[in-house]
Amino acid sequence: RDALIEIWQTGPEGGHWGRCAADIETGLARFTTLKPAAADGQAPHILTWIVARGINLGLTTRVYFPDEDNAGDAVLGIAGDRAGTLIAERTHAGYAHVIHLQGPNETVFFDV
């Protein structure tokens, strides 16, 4: 719940990023941004980096969108059966993505 989340994405005029501390009570972080563009043969995604007390190294993951053609994305393909942990959910307000640090629904993290 004391995490700092940073996002990086491709935008219309180059790369964009944002940083937000998670709410200490709920663990939620909220970003308002444009949906990223596809780049270099990859499906549109947001690169996400998480640091928090108790995590020795920052955790890197991606957030993909359910209404995009993600089939050809090689990085998403690496996730295999756990690729669903990288797909956001469409909501009435945009998209939501839950990151699980451990457990049966643990989000895929990449060793970069």
PDB file of N, CA and C in Angstrom:
ATOM      1  N   ARG A   1       0.810  -1.212   0.000  1.00  0.00           N
ATOM      2  CA  ARG A   1       0.000   0.000   0.000  1.00  0.00           C
ATOM      3  C   ARG A   1       0.845   1.266   0.000  1.00  0.00           C
ATOM      4  N   ASP A   2       2.124   1.127   0.272  1.00  0.00           N
ATOM      5  CA  ASP A   2       2.978   2.315   0.259  1.00  0.00           C
ATOM      6  C   ASP A   2       3.825   2.367  -1.013  1.00  0.00           C
ATOM      7  N   ALA A   3       3.307   1.843  -2.105  1.00  0.00           N
ATOM      8  CA  ALA A   3       4.040   1.759  -3.362  1.00  0.00           C
ATOM      9  C   ALA A   3       4.067   3.092  -4.098  1.00  0.00           C
ATOM     10  N   LEU A   4       5.099   3.239  -4.908  1.00  0.00           N
ATOM     11  CA  LEU A   4       5.201   4.328  -5.871  1.00  0.00           C
ATOM     12  C   LEU A   4       5.135   3.665  -7.239  1.00  0.00           C
ATOM     13  N   ILE A   5       4.222   4.121  -8.076  1.00  0.00           N
ATOM     14  CA  ILE A   5       4.033   3.533  -9.397  1.00  0.00           C
ATOM     15  C   ILE A   5       4.397   4.569 -10.438  1.00  0.00           C
ATOM     16  N   GLU A   6       5.171   4.121 -11.415  1.00  0.00           N
ATOM     17  CA  GLU A   6       5.549   4.985 -12.516  1.00  0.00           C
ATOM     18  C   GLU A   6       5.076   4.313 -13.797  1.00  0.00           C
ATOM     19  N   ILE A   7       4.531   5.100 -14.728  1.00  0.00           N
ATOM     20  CA  ILE A   7       4.099   4.553 -16.011  1.00  0.00           C
ATOM     21  C   ILE A   7       4.852   5.260 -17.131  1.00  0.00           C
ATOM     22  N   TRP A   8       5.106   4.515 -18.197  1.00  0.00           N
ATOM     23  CA  TRP A   8       5.753   5.021 -19.400  1.00  0.00           C
ATOM     24  C   TRP A   8       4.956   4.515 -20.586  1.00  0.00           C
ATOM     25  N   GLN A   9       4.738   5.380 -21.570  1.00  0.00           N
ATOM     26  CA  GLN A   9       3.967   4.964 -22.736  1.00  0.00           C
ATOM     27  C   GLN A   9       4.331   5.793 -23.949  1.00  0.00           C
ATOM     28  N   THR A  10       3.970   5.270 -25.111  1.00  0.00           N
ATOM     29  CA  THR A  10       4.153   5.986 -26.370  1.00  0.00           C
ATOM     30  C   THR A  10       2.971   6.918 -26.559  1.00  0.00           C
ATOM     31  N   GLY A  11       3.258   8.161 -26.876  1.00  0.00           N
ATOM     32  CA  GLY A  11       2.202   9.134 -27.104  1.00  0.00           C
ATOM     33  C   GLY A  11       2.291   9.712 -28.502  1.00  0.00           C
ATOM     34  N   PRO A  12       1.377  10.598 -28.853  1.00  0.00           N
ATOM     35  CA  PRO A  12       1.351  11.176 -30.195  1.00  0.00           C
ATOM     36  C   PRO A  12       2.620  11.962 -30.537  1.00  0.00           C
ATOM     37  N   GLU A  13       3.280  12.496 -29.545  1.00  0.00           N
ATOM     38  CA  GLU A  13       4.467  13.313 -29.785  1.00  0.00           C
ATOM     39  C   GLU A  13       5.701  12.731 -29.108  1.00  0.00           C
ATOM     40  N   GLY A  14       5.728  11.425 -28.931  1.00  0.00           N
ATOM     41  CA  GLY A  14       6.866  10.780 -28.277  1.00  0.00           C
ATOM     42  C   GLY A  14       6.433  10.094 -27.004  1.00  0.00           C
ATOM     43  N   GLY A  15       7.390   9.839 -26.123  1.00  0.00           N
ATOM     44  CA  GLY A  15       7.105   9.127 -24.886  1.00  0.00           C
ATOM     45  C   GLY A  15       6.525  10.034 -23.816  1.00  0.00           C
ATOM     46  N   HIS A  16       5.672   9.475 -23.006  1.00  0.00           N
ATOM     47  CA  HIS A  16       5.075  10.185 -21.882  1.00  0.00           C
ATOM     48  C   HIS A  16       5.211   9.313 -20.642  1.00  0.00           C
ATOM     49  N   TRP A  17       5.299   9.952 -19.478  1.00  0.00           N
ATOM     50  CA  TRP A  17       5.376   9.181 -18.248  1.00  0.00           C
ATOM     51  C   TRP A  17       4.645   9.906 -17.137  1.00  0.00           C
ATOM     52  N   GLY A  18       4.346   9.149 -16.110  1.00  0.00           N
ATOM     53  CA  GLY A  18       3.694   9.716 -14.941  1.00  0.00           C
ATOM     54  C   GLY A  18       4.114   8.936 -13.713  1.00  0.00           C
ATOM     55  N   ARG A  19       3.951   9.553 -12.565  1.00  0.00           N
ATOM     56  CA  ARG A  19       4.327   8.926 -11.295  1.00  0.00           C
ATOM     57  C   ARG A  19       3.237   9.233 -10.279  1.00  0.00           C
ATOM     58  N   CYS A  20       2.887   8.202  -9.490  1.00  0.00           N
ATOM     59  CA  CYS A  20       1.825   8.368  -8.506  1.00  0.00           C
ATOM     60  C   CYS A  20       2.096   7.451  -7.314  1.00  0.00           C
ATOM     61  N   ALA A  21       1.930   7.987  -6.137  1.00  0.00           N
ATOM     62  CA  ALA A  21       2.020   7.161  -4.930  1.00  0.00           C
ATOM     63  C   ALA A  21       0.675   6.493  -4.706  1.00  0.00           C
ATOM     64  N   ALA A  22       0.712   5.233  -4.299  1.00  0.00           N
ATOM     65  CA  ALA A  22      -0.529   4.529  -3.981  1.00  0.00           C
ATOM     66  C   ALA A  22      -1.116   5.098  -2.698  1.00  0.00           C
ATOM     67  N   ASP A  23      -2.435   5.108  -2.614  1.00  0.00           N
ATOM     68  CA  ASP A  23      -3.117   5.552  -1.407  1.00  0.00           C
ATOM     69  C   ASP A  23      -2.758   4.609  -0.261  1.00  0.00           C
ATOM     70  N   ILE A  24      -2.293   5.143   0.831  1.00  0.00           N
ATOM     71  CA  ILE A  24      -1.821   4.332   1.951  1.00  0.00           C
ATOM     72  C   ILE A  24      -2.937   3.487   2.570  1.00  0.00           C
ATOM     73  N   GLU A  25      -4.176   3.933   2.476  1.00  0.00           N
ATOM     74  CA  GLU A  25      -5.305   3.180   3.039  1.00  0.00           C
ATOM     75  C   GLU A  25      -5.813   2.081   2.108  1.00  0.00           C
ATOM     76  N   THR A  26      -5.884   2.381   0.811  1.00  0.00           N
ATOM     77  CA  THR A  26      -6.503   1.451  -0.129  1.00  0.00           C
ATOM     78  C   THR A  26      -5.509   0.731  -1.038  1.00  0.00           C
ATOM     79  N   GLY A  27      -4.322   1.310  -1.202  1.00  0.00           N
ATOM     80  CA  GLY A  27      -3.344   0.754  -2.128  1.00  0.00           C
ATOM     81  C   GLY A  27      -3.616   1.109  -3.581  1.00  0.00           C
ATOM     82  N   LEU A  28      -4.621   1.961  -3.820  1.00  0.00           N
ATOM     83  CA  LEU A  28      -4.987   2.326  -5.186  1.00  0.00           C
ATOM     84  C   LEU A  28      -4.155   3.493  -5.696  1.00  0.00           C
ATOM     85  N   ALA A  29      -3.858   3.461  -6.979  1.00  0.00           N
ATOM     86  CA  ALA A  29      -3.215   4.576  -7.669  1.00  0.00           C
ATOM     87  C   ALA A  29      -4.015   4.838  -8.928  1.00  0.00           C
ATOM     88  N   ARG A  30      -4.129   6.086  -9.300  1.00  0.00           N
ATOM     89  CA  ARG A  30      -4.949   6.431 -10.461  1.00  0.00           C
ATOM     90  C   ARG A  30      -4.148   7.322 -11.398  1.00  0.00           C
ATOM     91  N   PHE A  31      -4.192   6.965 -12.686  1.00  0.00           N
ATOM     92  CA  PHE A  31      -3.560   7.768 -13.716  1.00  0.00           C
ATOM     93  C   PHE A  31      -4.613   8.161 -14.728  1.00  0.00           C
ATOM     94  N   THR A  32      -4.579   9.394 -15.179  1.00  0.00           N
ATOM     95  CA  THR A  32      -5.428   9.857 -16.250  1.00  0.00           C
ATOM     96  C   THR A  32      -4.497  10.207 -17.405  1.00  0.00           C
ATOM     97  N   THR A  33      -4.658   9.501 -18.520  1.00  0.00           N
ATOM     98  CA  THR A  33      -3.751   9.677 -19.645  1.00  0.00           C
ATOM     99  C   THR A  33      -4.448   9.281 -20.936  1.00  0.00           C
ATOM    100  N   LEU A  34      -3.791   9.507 -22.034  1.00  0.00           N
ATOM    101  CA  LEU A  34      -4.280   9.037 -23.323  1.00  0.00           C
ATOM    102  C   LEU A  34      -3.974   7.559 -23.470  1.00  0.00           C
ATOM    103  N   LYS A  35      -4.790   6.876 -24.237  1.00  0.00           N
ATOM    104  CA  LYS A  35      -4.484   5.491 -24.546  1.00  0.00           C
ATOM    105  C   LYS A  35      -3.253   5.506 -25.454  1.00  0.00           C
ATOM    106  N   PRO A  36      -2.245   4.680 -25.149  1.00  0.00           N
ATOM    107  CA  PRO A  36      -1.011   4.741 -25.925  1.00  0.00           C
ATOM    108  C   PRO A  36      -1.183   4.198 -27.338  1.00  0.00           C
ATOM    109  N   ALA A  37      -0.260   4.612 -28.178  1.00  0.00           N
ATOM    110  CA  ALA A  37      -0.226   4.132 -29.549  1.00  0.00           C
ATOM    111  C   ALA A  37       0.583   2.845 -29.631  1.00  0.00           C
ATOM    112  N   ALA A  38       0.372   2.092 -30.690  1.00  0.00           N
ATOM    113  CA  ALA A  38       1.202   0.912 -30.947  1.00  0.00           C
ATOM    114  C   ALA A  38       2.533   1.403 -31.507  1.00  0.00           C
ATOM    115  N   ALA A  39       3.610   0.736 -31.134  1.00  0.00           N
ATOM    116  CA  ALA A  39       4.934   1.137 -31.618  1.00  0.00           C
ATOM    117  C   ALA A  39       5.799  -0.086 -31.854  1.00  0.00           C
ATOM    118  N   ASP A  40       6.603  -0.040 -32.895  1.00  0.00           N
ATOM    119  CA  ASP A  40       7.597  -1.081 -33.170  1.00  0.00           C
ATOM    120  C   ASP A  40       7.017  -2.484 -33.189  1.00  0.00           C
ATOM    121  N   GLY A  41       5.852  -2.658 -33.789  1.00  0.00           N
ATOM    122  CA  GLY A  41       5.255  -3.985 -33.895  1.00  0.00           C
ATOM    123  C   GLY A  41       4.679  -4.527 -32.596  1.00  0.00           C
ATOM    124  N   GLN A  42       4.563  -3.694 -31.587  1.00  0.00           N
ATOM    125  CA  GLN A  42       4.007  -4.116 -30.302  1.00  0.00           C
ATOM    126  C   GLN A  42       2.580  -3.593 -30.173  1.00  0.00           C
ATOM    127  N   ALA A  43       1.762  -4.335 -29.440  1.00  0.00           N
ATOM    128  CA  ALA A  43       0.410  -3.871 -29.155  1.00  0.00           C
ATOM    129  C   ALA A  43       0.491  -2.657 -28.227  1.00  0.00           C
ATOM    130  N   PRO A  44      -0.498  -1.764 -28.266  1.00  0.00           N
ATOM    131  CA  PRO A  44      -0.504  -0.631 -27.336  1.00  0.00           C
ATOM    132  C   PRO A  44      -0.437  -1.137 -25.897  1.00  0.00           C
ATOM    133  N   HIS A  45       0.422  -0.529 -25.111  1.00  0.00           N
ATOM    134  CA  HIS A  45       0.576  -0.942 -23.716  1.00  0.00           C
ATOM    135  C   HIS A  45       1.173   0.201 -22.913  1.00  0.00           C
ATOM    136  N   ILE A  46       1.084   0.063 -21.611  1.00  0.00           N
ATOM    137  CA  ILE A  46       1.716   0.995 -20.687  1.00  0.00           C
ATOM    138  C   ILE A  46       2.737   0.207 -19.878  1.00  0.00           C
ATOM    139  N   LEU A  47       3.982   0.642 -19.926  1.00  0.00           N
ATOM    140  CA  LEU A  47       5.033   0.045 -19.108  1.00  0.00           C
ATOM    141  C   LEU A  47       4.852   0.556 -17.688  1.00  0.00           C
ATOM    142  N   THR A  48       4.879  -0.334 -16.725  1.00  0.00           N
ATOM    143  CA  THR A  48       4.617   0.029 -15.336  1.00  0.00           C
ATOM    144  C   THR A  48       5.768  -0.431 -14.463  1.00  0.00           C
ATOM    145  N   TRP A  49       6.230   0.458 -13.597  1.00  0.00           N
ATOM    146  CA  TRP A  49       7.337   0.173 -12.678  1.00  0.00           C
ATOM    147  C   TRP A  49       6.852   0.459 -11.264  1.00  0.00           C
ATOM    148  N   ILE A  50       7.091  -0.485 -10.351  1.00  0.00           N
ATOM    149  CA  ILE A  50       6.589  -0.374  -8.982  1.00  0.00           C
ATOM    150  C   ILE A  50       7.748  -0.505  -8.010  1.00  0.00           C
ATOM    151  N   VAL A  51       7.826   0.418  -7.068  1.00  0.00           N
ATOM    152  CA  VAL A  51       8.777   0.315  -5.961  1.00  0.00           C
ATOM    153  C   VAL A  51       8.008   0.497  -4.665  1.00  0.00           C
ATOM    154  N   ALA A  52       8.439  -0.215  -3.637  1.00  0.00           N
ATOM    155  CA  ALA A  52       7.772  -0.119  -2.339  1.00  0.00           C
ATOM    156  C   ALA A  52       8.688  -0.688  -1.273  1.00  0.00           C
ATOM    157  N   ARG A  53       8.402  -0.345  -0.055  1.00  0.00           N
ATOM    158  CA  ARG A  53       9.127  -0.910   1.072  1.00  0.00           C
ATOM    159  C   ARG A  53       8.993  -2.435   1.020  1.00  0.00           C
ATOM    160  N   GLY A  54      10.090  -3.140   1.203  1.00  0.00           N
ATOM    161  CA  GLY A  54      10.064  -4.598   1.173  1.00  0.00           C
ATOM    162  C   GLY A  54      10.348  -5.191  -0.196  1.00  0.00           C
ATOM    163  N   ILE A  55      10.393  -4.354  -1.230  1.00  0.00           N
ATOM    164  CA  ILE A  55      10.742  -4.824  -2.571  1.00  0.00           C
ATOM    165  C   ILE A  55      12.162  -4.334  -2.836  1.00  0.00           C
ATOM    166  N   ASN A  56      13.111  -5.268  -2.958  1.00  0.00           N
ATOM    167  CA  ASN A  56      14.515  -4.887  -3.102  1.00  0.00           C
ATOM    168  C   ASN A  56      14.829  -4.221  -4.428  1.00  0.00           C
ATOM    169  N   LEU A  57      14.173  -4.660  -5.492  1.00  0.00           N
ATOM    170  CA  LEU A  57      14.347  -4.071  -6.820  1.00  0.00           C
ATOM    171  C   LEU A  57      12.984  -3.664  -7.340  1.00  0.00           C
ATOM    172  N   GLY A  58      12.957  -2.626  -8.163  1.00  0.00           N
ATOM    173  CA  GLY A  58      11.684  -2.235  -8.759  1.00  0.00           C
ATOM    174  C   GLY A  58      11.120  -3.359  -9.612  1.00  0.00           C
ATOM    175  N   LEU A  59       9.808  -3.475  -9.652  1.00  0.00           N
ATOM    176  CA  LEU A  59       9.122  -4.496 -10.444  1.00  0.00           C
ATOM    177  C   LEU A  59       8.610  -3.859 -11.730  1.00  0.00           C
ATOM    178  N   THR A  60       8.888  -4.505 -12.843  1.00  0.00           N
ATOM    179  CA  THR A  60       8.487  -3.991 -14.146  1.00  0.00           C
ATOM    180  C   THR A  60       7.446  -4.914 -14.758  1.00  0.00           C
ATOM    181  N   THR A  61       6.357  -4.329 -15.214  1.00  0.00           N
ATOM    182  CA  THR A  61       5.311  -5.087 -15.890  1.00  0.00           C
ATOM    183  C   THR A  61       4.724  -4.216 -16.988  1.00  0.00           C
ATOM    184  N   ARG A  62       3.726  -4.712 -17.651  1.00  0.00           N
ATOM    185  CA  ARG A  62       3.034  -3.961 -18.697  1.00  0.00           C
ATOM    186  C   ARG A  62       1.532  -4.088 -18.483  1.00  0.00           C
ATOM    187  N   VAL A  63       0.807  -3.112 -18.999  1.00  0.00           N
ATOM    188  CA  VAL A  63      -0.657  -3.154 -18.999  1.00  0.00           C
ATOM    189  C   VAL A  63      -1.109  -3.051 -20.455  1.00  0.00           C
ATOM    190  N   TYR A  64      -1.845  -4.071 -20.884  1.00  0.00           N
ATOM    191  CA  TYR A  64      -2.401  -4.102 -22.235  1.00  0.00           C
ATOM    192  C   TYR A  64      -3.900  -3.846 -22.170  1.00  0.00           C
ATOM    193  N   PHE A  65      -4.517  -3.648 -23.331  1.00  0.00           N
ATOM    194  CA  PHE A  65      -5.922  -3.268 -23.399  1.00  0.00           C
ATOM    195  C   PHE A  65      -6.741  -4.372 -24.062  1.00  0.00           C
ATOM    196  N   PRO A  66      -7.911  -4.701 -23.493  1.00  0.00           N
ATOM    197  CA  PRO A  66      -8.704  -5.816 -23.996  1.00  0.00           C
ATOM    198  C   PRO A  66      -9.317  -5.581 -25.373  1.00  0.00           C
ATOM    199  N   ASP A  67      -9.424  -4.331 -25.789  1.00  0.00           N
ATOM    200  CA  ASP A  67     -10.057  -4.019 -27.067  1.00  0.00           C
ATOM    201  C   ASP A  67      -9.041  -3.744 -28.179  1.00  0.00           C
ATOM    202  N   GLU A  68      -7.818  -4.213 -27.999  1.00  0.00           N
ATOM    203  CA  GLU A  68      -6.772  -4.092 -29.008  1.00  0.00           C
ATOM    204  C   GLU A  68      -6.380  -5.480 -29.510  1.00  0.00           C
ATOM    205  N   ASP A  69      -5.734  -5.534 -30.657  1.00  0.00           N
ATOM    206  CA  ASP A  69      -5.224  -6.796 -31.181  1.00  0.00           C
ATOM    207  C   ASP A  69      -3.874  -7.062 -30.525  1.00  0.00           C
ATOM    208  N   ASN A  70      -3.880  -7.859 -29.474  1.00  0.00           N
ATOM    209  CA  ASN A  70      -2.663  -8.153 -28.712  1.00  0.00           C
ATOM    210  C   ASN A  70      -1.958  -9.423 -29.187  1.00  0.00           C
ATOM    211  N   ALA A  71      -2.548 -10.118 -30.147  1.00  0.00           N
ATOM    212  CA  ALA A  71      -2.067 -11.441 -30.537  1.00  0.00           C
ATOM    213  C   ALA A  71      -0.619 -11.451 -31.022  1.00  0.00           C
ATOM    214  N   GLY A  72      -0.191 -10.434 -31.726  1.00  0.00           N
ATOM    215  CA  GLY A  72       1.149 -10.427 -32.294  1.00  0.00           C
ATOM    216  C   GLY A  72       2.223  -9.836 -31.397  1.00  0.00           C
ATOM    217  N   ASP A  73       1.880  -9.427 -30.190  1.00  0.00           N
ATOM    218  CA  ASP A  73       2.864  -8.789 -29.314  1.00  0.00           C
ATOM    219  C   ASP A  73       3.779  -9.858 -28.697  1.00  0.00           C
ATOM    220  N   ALA A  74       5.058  -9.832 -29.063  1.00  0.00           N
ATOM    221  CA  ALA A  74       6.015 -10.855 -28.599  1.00  0.00           C
ATOM    222  C   ALA A  74       6.218 -10.814 -27.088  1.00  0.00           C
ATOM    223  N   VAL A  75       6.236  -9.628 -26.502  1.00  0.00           N
ATOM    224  CA  VAL A  75       6.448  -9.520 -25.056  1.00  0.00           C
ATOM    225  C   VAL A  75       5.256 -10.099 -24.310  1.00  0.00           C
ATOM    226  N   LEU A  76       4.055  -9.803 -24.756  1.00  0.00           N
ATOM    227  CA  LEU A  76       2.860 -10.389 -24.139  1.00  0.00           C
ATOM    228  C   LEU A  76       2.879 -11.913 -24.306  1.00  0.00           C
ATOM    229  N   GLY A  77       3.393 -12.362 -25.437  1.00  0.00           N
ATOM    230  CA  GLY A  77       3.481 -13.796 -25.688  1.00  0.00           C
ATOM    231  C   GLY A  77       4.374 -14.520 -24.700  1.00  0.00           C
ATOM    232  N   ILE A  78       5.392 -13.849 -24.181  1.00  0.00           N
ATOM    233  CA  ILE A  78       6.298 -14.451 -23.196  1.00  0.00           C
ATOM    234  C   ILE A  78       5.533 -14.857 -21.940  1.00  0.00           C
ATOM    235  N   ALA A  79       4.471 -14.142 -21.622  1.00  0.00           N
ATOM    236  CA  ALA A  79       3.696 -14.417 -20.407  1.00  0.00           C
ATOM    237  C   ALA A  79       2.941 -15.739 -20.483  1.00  0.00           C
ATOM    238  N   GLY A  80       2.725 -16.259 -21.666  1.00  0.00           N
ATOM    239  CA  GLY A  80       2.070 -17.555 -21.827  1.00  0.00           C
ATOM    240  C   GLY A  80       0.696 -17.617 -21.184  1.00  0.00           C
ATOM    241  N   ASP A  81       0.480 -18.654 -20.367  1.00  0.00           N
ATOM    242  CA  ASP A  81      -0.819 -18.876 -19.719  1.00  0.00           C
ATOM    243  C   ASP A  81      -1.186 -17.771 -18.740  1.00  0.00           C
ATOM    244  N   ARG A  82      -0.211 -16.994 -18.312  1.00  0.00           N
ATOM    245  CA  ARG A  82      -0.472 -15.936 -17.327  1.00  0.00           C
ATOM    246  C   ARG A  82      -0.650 -14.561 -17.976  1.00  0.00           C
ATOM    247  N   ALA A  83      -0.768 -14.518 -19.303  1.00  0.00           N
ATOM    248  CA  ALA A  83      -0.907 -13.255 -20.019  1.00  0.00           C
ATOM    249  C   ALA A  83      -2.110 -12.440 -19.549  1.00  0.00           C
ATOM    250  N   GLY A  84      -3.138 -13.112 -19.079  1.00  0.00           N
ATOM    251  CA  GLY A  84      -4.330 -12.411 -18.594  1.00  0.00           C
ATOM    252  C   GLY A  84      -4.050 -11.460 -17.440  1.00  0.00           C
ATOM    253  N   THR A  85      -2.963 -11.684 -16.705  1.00  0.00           N
ATOM    254  CA  THR A  85      -2.625 -10.787 -15.591  1.00  0.00           C
ATOM    255  C   THR A  85      -2.117  -9.440 -16.089  1.00  0.00           C
ATOM    256  N   LEU A  86      -1.894  -9.330 -17.396  1.00  0.00           N
ATOM    257  CA  LEU A  86      -1.390  -8.082 -17.986  1.00  0.00           C
ATOM    258  C   LEU A  86      -2.468  -7.303 -18.730  1.00  0.00           C
ATOM    259  N   ILE A  87      -3.676  -7.839 -18.797  1.00  0.00           N
ATOM    260  CA  ILE A  87      -4.757  -7.200 -19.557  1.00  0.00           C
ATOM    261  C   ILE A  87      -5.654  -6.404 -18.621  1.00  0.00           C
ATOM    262  N   ALA A  88      -5.805  -5.119 -18.920  1.00  0.00           N
ATOM    263  CA  ALA A  88      -6.688  -4.258 -18.131  1.00  0.00           C
ATOM    264  C   ALA A  88      -8.141  -4.658 -18.368  1.00  0.00           C
ATOM    265  N   GLU A  89      -9.003  -4.170 -17.523  1.00  0.00           N
ATOM    266  CA  GLU A  89     -10.441  -4.387 -17.662  1.00  0.00           C
ATOM    267  C   GLU A  89     -11.079  -3.082 -18.123  1.00  0.00           C
ATOM    268  N   ARG A  90     -11.976  -3.168 -19.087  1.00  0.00           N
ATOM    269  CA  ARG A  90     -12.707  -1.985 -19.553  1.00  0.00           C
ATOM    270  C   ARG A  90     -13.766  -1.649 -18.516  1.00  0.00           C
ATOM    271  N   THR A  91     -13.835  -0.378 -18.115  1.00  0.00           N
ATOM    272  CA  THR A  91     -14.831   0.085 -17.154  1.00  0.00           C
ATOM    273  C   THR A  91     -15.595   1.262 -17.743  1.00  0.00           C
ATOM    274  N   HIS A  92     -16.616   1.714 -17.047  1.00  0.00           N
ATOM    275  CA  HIS A  92     -17.384   2.865 -17.526  1.00  0.00           C
ATOM    276  C   HIS A  92     -16.537   4.140 -17.541  1.00  0.00           C
ATOM    277  N   ALA A  93     -15.472   4.168 -16.751  1.00  0.00           N
ATOM    278  CA  ALA A  93     -14.619   5.357 -16.668  1.00  0.00           C
ATOM    279  C   ALA A  93     -13.325   5.228 -17.473  1.00  0.00           C
ATOM    280  N   GLY A  94     -13.142   4.119 -18.180  1.00  0.00           N
ATOM    281  CA  GLY A  94     -11.910   3.913 -18.943  1.00  0.00           C
ATOM    282  C   GLY A  94     -11.420   2.488 -18.781  1.00  0.00           C
ATOM    283  N   TYR A  95     -10.293   2.329 -18.097  1.00  0.00           N
ATOM    284  CA  TYR A  95      -9.707   1.006 -17.870  1.00  0.00           C
ATOM    285  C   TYR A  95      -9.241   0.910 -16.429  1.00  0.00           C
ATOM    286  N   ALA A  96      -9.245  -0.302 -15.919  1.00  0.00           N
ATOM    287  CA  ALA A  96      -8.722  -0.566 -14.576  1.00  0.00           C
ATOM    288  C   ALA A  96      -7.827  -1.798 -14.665  1.00  0.00           C
ATOM    289  N   HIS A  97      -6.761  -1.777 -13.891  1.00  0.00           N
ATOM    290  CA  HIS A  97      -5.854  -2.925 -13.876  1.00  0.00           C
ATOM    291  C   HIS A  97      -5.406  -3.158 -12.443  1.00  0.00           C
ATOM    292  N   VAL A  98      -5.578  -4.380 -11.971  1.00  0.00           N
ATOM    293  CA  VAL A  98      -5.174  -4.746 -10.621  1.00  0.00           C
ATOM    294  C   VAL A  98      -3.840  -5.478 -10.708  1.00  0.00           C
ATOM    295  N   ILE A  99      -2.862  -5.011  -9.954  1.00  0.00           N
ATOM    296  CA  ILE A  99      -1.550  -5.649  -9.904  1.00  0.00           C
ATOM    297  C   ILE A  99      -1.468  -6.453  -8.618  1.00  0.00           C
ATOM    298  N   HIS A 100      -1.217  -7.738  -8.764  1.00  0.00           N
ATOM    299  CA  HIS A 100      -1.056  -8.630  -7.610  1.00  0.00           C
ATOM    300  C   HIS A 100       0.428  -8.915  -7.441  1.00  0.00           C
ATOM    301  N   LEU A 101       0.972  -8.620  -6.273  1.00  0.00           N
ATOM    302  CA  LEU A 101       2.389  -8.827  -6.024  1.00  0.00           C
ATOM    303  C   LEU A 101       2.724 -10.283  -5.713  1.00  0.00           C
ATOM    304  N   GLN A 102       1.738 -11.050  -5.311  1.00  0.00           N
ATOM    305  CA  GLN A 102       1.972 -12.472  -5.019  1.00  0.00           C
ATOM    306  C   GLN A 102       0.642 -13.206  -5.032  1.00  0.00           C
ATOM    307  N   GLY A 103       0.710 -14.521  -4.898  1.00  0.00           N
ATOM    308  CA  GLY A 103      -0.499 -15.332  -4.850  1.00  0.00           C
ATOM    309  C   GLY A 103      -0.827 -15.944  -6.194  1.00  0.00           C
ATOM    310  N   PRO A 104      -1.977 -16.630  -6.266  1.00  0.00           N
ATOM    311  CA  PRO A 104      -2.339 -17.368  -7.482  1.00  0.00           C
ATOM    312  C   PRO A 104      -2.582 -16.467  -8.696  1.00  0.00           C
ATOM    313  N   ASN A 105      -2.924 -15.214  -8.488  1.00  0.00           N
ATOM    314  CA  ASN A 105      -3.152 -14.274  -9.591  1.00  0.00           C
ATOM    315  C   ASN A 105      -2.003 -13.287  -9.741  1.00  0.00           C
ATOM    316  N   GLU A 106      -0.815 -13.673  -9.265  1.00  0.00           N
ATOM    317  CA  GLU A 106       0.337 -12.764  -9.317  1.00  0.00           C
ATOM    318  C   GLU A 106       0.532 -12.243 -10.739  1.00  0.00           C
ATOM    319  N   THR A 107       0.698 -10.944 -10.847  1.00  0.00           N
ATOM    320  CA  THR A 107       0.952 -10.292 -12.120  1.00  0.00           C
ATOM    321  C   THR A 107       2.302 -10.740 -12.655  1.00  0.00           C
ATOM    322  N   VAL A 108       2.410 -10.872 -13.957  1.00  0.00           N
ATOM    323  CA  VAL A 108       3.686 -11.194 -14.591  1.00  0.00           C
ATOM    324  C   VAL A 108       4.596  -9.978 -14.473  1.00  0.00           C
ATOM    325  N   PHE A 109       5.796 -10.201 -13.958  1.00  0.00           N
ATOM    326  CA  PHE A 109       6.824  -9.159 -13.892  1.00  0.00           C
ATOM    327  C   PHE A 109       7.983  -9.583 -14.765  1.00  0.00           C
ATOM    328  N   PHE A 110       8.655  -8.627 -15.378  1.00  0.00           N
ATOM    329  CA  PHE A 110       9.724  -8.906 -16.315  1.00  0.00           C
ATOM    330  C   PHE A 110      11.079  -8.565 -15.711  1.00  0.00           C
ATOM    331  N   ASP A 111      12.055  -9.408 -15.978  1.00  0.00           N
ATOM    332  CA  ASP A 111      13.417  -9.203 -15.510  1.00  0.00           C
ATOM    333  C   ASP A 111      14.135  -8.334 -16.541  1.00  0.00           C
ATOM    334  N   VAL A 112      14.162  -7.033 -16.297  1.00  0.00           N
ATOM    335  CA  VAL A 112      14.793  -6.102 -17.247  1.00  0.00           C
ATOM    336  C   VAL A 112      15.983  -5.414 -16.618  1.00  0.00           C
TER     337      VAL A 112
END
